[in-house]
Amino acid sequence: QVQLVESGGGLVQAGGSLRLSCAASGRTFSSYAMGWFRQAPGKEREFVAAIGDSTWYADSVKGRFTISRDNAKNTVYLQMNSLKPEDTATYYCNTISKGVPYWGQGIQVTVSS
């Protein structure tokens, strides 16, 4: 069973930075791609970033967010800079194992204007 636990969210002013962490357990971490998604109130969950053999970003965060991983710590990070009020959402860590998607519990990020 894969478990994902996010941390690092909170309230920040526009233009500020936050770093989210996602600690994974339950399988060999380094072999799998990891991703971040977010969901704002009243909106569908959307892709933010992913890391595997390469990195991928949504256009809305490209140049501001950076995804990285530390395989020794089984942790993936999302460094968020130049935050905007429209980045306000619940952020979820994600991976797929044996065809099954796994999600963390989500963590709130609120950006005030």
C-alpha atoms as a PDB file:
ATOM      1  CA  GLN A   1       0.000   0.000   0.000  1.00  0.00           C
ATOM      2  CA  VAL A   2       1.387   3.355  -1.058  1.00  0.00           C
ATOM      3  CA  GLN A   3       0.992   6.247   1.351  1.00  0.00           C
ATOM      4  CA  LEU A   4       1.604   9.896   0.524  1.00  0.00           C
ATOM      5  CA  VAL A   5       1.724  12.641   3.147  1.00  0.00           C
ATOM      6  CA  GLU A   6       1.949  16.302   2.168  1.00  0.00           C
ATOM      7  CA  SER A   7       3.302  19.123   4.316  1.00  0.00           C
ATOM      8  CA  GLY A   8       4.438  22.717   4.005  1.00  0.00           C
ATOM      9  CA  GLY A   9       1.279  24.545   2.999  1.00  0.00           C
ATOM     10  CA  GLY A  10      -0.054  27.707   4.562  1.00  0.00           C
ATOM     11  CA  LEU A  11      -0.907  31.351   4.028  1.00  0.00           C
ATOM     12  CA  VAL A  12       1.426  33.621   2.089  1.00  0.00           C
ATOM     13  CA  GLN A  13       1.192  37.046   0.477  1.00  0.00           C
ATOM     14  CA  ALA A  14       1.253  37.436  -3.279  1.00  0.00           C
ATOM     15  CA  GLY A  15       4.819  37.355  -4.539  1.00  0.00           C
ATOM     16  CA  GLY A  16       5.920  35.081  -1.720  1.00  0.00           C
ATOM     17  CA  SER A  17       7.187  31.509  -1.709  1.00  0.00           C
ATOM     18  CA  LEU A  18       6.291  28.168  -0.197  1.00  0.00           C
ATOM     19  CA  ARG A  19       7.791  24.711  -0.460  1.00  0.00           C
ATOM     20  CA  LEU A  20       5.527  21.689  -0.342  1.00  0.00           C
ATOM     21  CA  SER A  21       6.834  18.258   0.584  1.00  0.00           C
ATOM     22  CA  CYS A  22       5.344  14.842  -0.084  1.00  0.00           C
ATOM     23  CA  ALA A  23       6.717  11.890   1.857  1.00  0.00           C
ATOM     24  CA  ALA A  24       6.048   8.524   0.229  1.00  0.00           C
ATOM     25  CA  SER A  25       6.095   5.057   1.726  1.00  0.00           C
ATOM     26  CA  GLY A  26       5.057   1.565   0.745  1.00  0.00           C
ATOM     27  CA  ARG A  27       7.176   0.892  -2.311  1.00  0.00           C
ATOM     28  CA  THR A  28      10.459   1.624  -4.080  1.00  0.00           C
ATOM     29  CA  PHE A  29      10.176   5.370  -4.432  1.00  0.00           C
ATOM     30  CA  SER A  30      12.852   6.066  -7.029  1.00  0.00           C
ATOM     31  CA  SER A  31      11.286   3.860  -9.695  1.00  0.00           C
ATOM     32  CA  TYR A  32       8.112   5.859 -10.149  1.00  0.00           C
ATOM     33  CA  ALA A  33       7.038   9.216 -11.421  1.00  0.00           C
ATOM     34  CA  MET A  34       5.510  11.590  -8.888  1.00  0.00           C
ATOM     35  CA  GLY A  35       3.229  14.523  -9.453  1.00  0.00           C
ATOM     36  CA  TRP A  36       1.431  17.468  -7.912  1.00  0.00           C
ATOM     37  CA  PHE A  37      -2.131  18.472  -8.656  1.00  0.00           C
ATOM     38  CA  ARG A  38      -4.328  21.192  -7.192  1.00  0.00           C
ATOM     39  CA  GLN A  39      -7.996  21.903  -6.775  1.00  0.00           C
ATOM     40  CA  ALA A  40      -9.495  25.315  -6.133  1.00  0.00           C
ATOM     41  CA  PRO A  41     -13.019  25.716  -4.692  1.00  0.00           C
ATOM     42  CA  GLY A  42     -15.626  25.095  -7.362  1.00  0.00           C
ATOM     43  CA  LYS A  43     -13.057  23.927  -9.901  1.00  0.00           C
ATOM     44  CA  GLU A  44     -11.808  20.575 -11.129  1.00  0.00           C
ATOM     45  CA  ARG A  45      -8.523  19.117  -9.977  1.00  0.00           C
ATOM     46  CA  GLU A  46      -5.749  20.158 -12.349  1.00  0.00           C
ATOM     47  CA  PHE A  47      -2.218  19.064 -13.101  1.00  0.00           C
ATOM     48  CA  VAL A  48       0.590  21.224 -11.714  1.00  0.00           C
ATOM     49  CA  ALA A  49       3.894  19.378 -12.166  1.00  0.00           C
ATOM     50  CA  ALA A  50       5.431  15.922 -12.435  1.00  0.00           C
ATOM     51  CA  ILE A  51       8.854  14.349 -12.203  1.00  0.00           C
ATOM     52  CA  GLY A  52      10.115  11.093 -13.623  1.00  0.00           C
ATOM     53  CA  ASP A  53      12.889  10.779 -16.182  1.00  0.00           C
ATOM     54  CA  SER A  54      12.145  14.434 -16.865  1.00  0.00           C
ATOM     55  CA  THR A  55       9.987  17.190 -15.421  1.00  0.00           C
ATOM     56  CA  TRP A  56       6.721  18.592 -16.704  1.00  0.00           C
ATOM     57  CA  TYR A  57       4.797  21.698 -15.723  1.00  0.00           C
ATOM     58  CA  ALA A  58       1.439  23.257 -16.356  1.00  0.00           C
ATOM     59  CA  ASP A  59       1.751  26.440 -18.384  1.00  0.00           C
ATOM     60  CA  SER A  60       0.259  28.418 -15.508  1.00  0.00           C
ATOM     61  CA  VAL A  61       3.179  27.593 -13.183  1.00  0.00           C
ATOM     62  CA  LYS A  62       6.067  27.259 -15.623  1.00  0.00           C
ATOM     63  CA  GLY A  63       8.972  29.463 -14.575  1.00  0.00           C
ATOM     64  CA  ARG A  64       7.598  29.929 -11.059  1.00  0.00           C
ATOM     65  CA  PHE A  65       7.325  26.396  -9.639  1.00  0.00           C
ATOM     66  CA  THR A  66      10.038  23.743  -9.481  1.00  0.00           C
ATOM     67  CA  ILE A  67       9.477  20.053  -8.757  1.00  0.00           C
ATOM     68  CA  SER A  68      12.319  17.968  -7.367  1.00  0.00           C
ATOM     69  CA  ARG A  69      12.855  14.730  -5.468  1.00  0.00           C
ATOM     70  CA  ASP A  70      15.178  13.238  -2.888  1.00  0.00           C
ATOM     71  CA  ASN A  71      15.135   9.478  -3.375  1.00  0.00           C
ATOM     72  CA  ALA A  72      17.128   8.894  -0.192  1.00  0.00           C
ATOM     73  CA  LYS A  73      14.300  10.544   1.767  1.00  0.00           C
ATOM     74  CA  ASN A  74      11.459   9.172  -0.396  1.00  0.00           C
ATOM     75  CA  THR A  75      10.260  12.736  -0.749  1.00  0.00           C
ATOM     76  CA  VAL A  76       9.153  14.932  -3.629  1.00  0.00           C
ATOM     77  CA  TYR A  77       9.094  18.713  -3.330  1.00  0.00           C
ATOM     78  CA  LEU A  78       7.290  21.569  -5.011  1.00  0.00           C
ATOM     79  CA  GLN A  79       9.057  24.904  -4.667  1.00  0.00           C
ATOM     80  CA  MET A  80       6.555  27.642  -5.411  1.00  0.00           C
ATOM     81  CA  ASN A  81       7.864  31.159  -6.055  1.00  0.00           C
ATOM     82  CA  SER A  82       6.170  34.373  -7.159  1.00  0.00           C
ATOM     83  CA  LEU A  83       2.883  33.062  -5.849  1.00  0.00           C
ATOM     84  CA  LYS A  84      -0.337  34.599  -7.117  1.00  0.00           C
ATOM     85  CA  PRO A  85      -3.831  34.641  -5.583  1.00  0.00           C
ATOM     86  CA  GLU A  86      -4.943  32.287  -8.364  1.00  0.00           C
ATOM     87  CA  ASP A  87      -2.523  29.673  -6.991  1.00  0.00           C
ATOM     88  CA  THR A  88      -4.813  29.342  -3.963  1.00  0.00           C
ATOM     89  CA  ALA A  89      -5.970  25.727  -3.824  1.00  0.00           C
ATOM     90  CA  THR A  90      -5.647  22.420  -2.067  1.00  0.00           C
ATOM     91  CA  TYR A  91      -2.520  20.734  -3.390  1.00  0.00           C
ATOM     92  CA  TYR A  92      -2.315  16.972  -3.756  1.00  0.00           C
ATOM     93  CA  CYS A  93       0.630  14.647  -4.220  1.00  0.00           C
ATOM     94  CA  ASN A  94       0.072  11.815  -6.682  1.00  0.00           C
ATOM     95  CA  THR A  95       1.656   8.665  -8.007  1.00  0.00           C
ATOM     96  CA  ILE A  96       0.586   5.541  -9.841  1.00  0.00           C
ATOM     97  CA  SER A  97       1.577   2.067  -8.719  1.00  0.00           C
ATOM     98  CA  LYS A  98       0.624  -1.044 -10.710  1.00  0.00           C
ATOM     99  CA  GLY A  99      -1.974   0.991 -12.563  1.00  0.00           C
ATOM    100  CA  VAL A 100      -3.597   2.306  -9.386  1.00  0.00           C
ATOM    101  CA  PRO A 101      -3.499   6.070  -8.662  1.00  0.00           C
ATOM    102  CA  TYR A 102      -2.668   7.154  -5.138  1.00  0.00           C
ATOM    103  CA  TRP A 103      -3.311  10.559  -3.605  1.00  0.00           C
ATOM    104  CA  GLY A 104      -2.196  12.314  -0.479  1.00  0.00           C
ATOM    105  CA  GLN A 105      -4.726  13.883   1.844  1.00  0.00           C
ATOM    106  CA  GLY A 106      -4.134  17.333   0.354  1.00  0.00           C
ATOM    107  CA  ILE A 107      -2.710  20.500   1.851  1.00  0.00           C
ATOM    108  CA  GLN A 108      -4.057  24.018   1.672  1.00  0.00           C
ATOM    109  CA  VAL A 109      -2.150  26.850   0.047  1.00  0.00           C
ATOM    110  CA  THR A 110      -3.688  30.309   0.345  1.00  0.00           C
ATOM    111  CA  VAL A 111      -2.191  33.332  -1.394  1.00  0.00           C
ATOM    112  CA  SER A 112      -3.494  36.704  -0.268  1.00  0.00           C
ATOM    113  CA  SER A 113      -3.484  39.739  -2.521  1.00  0.00           C
END
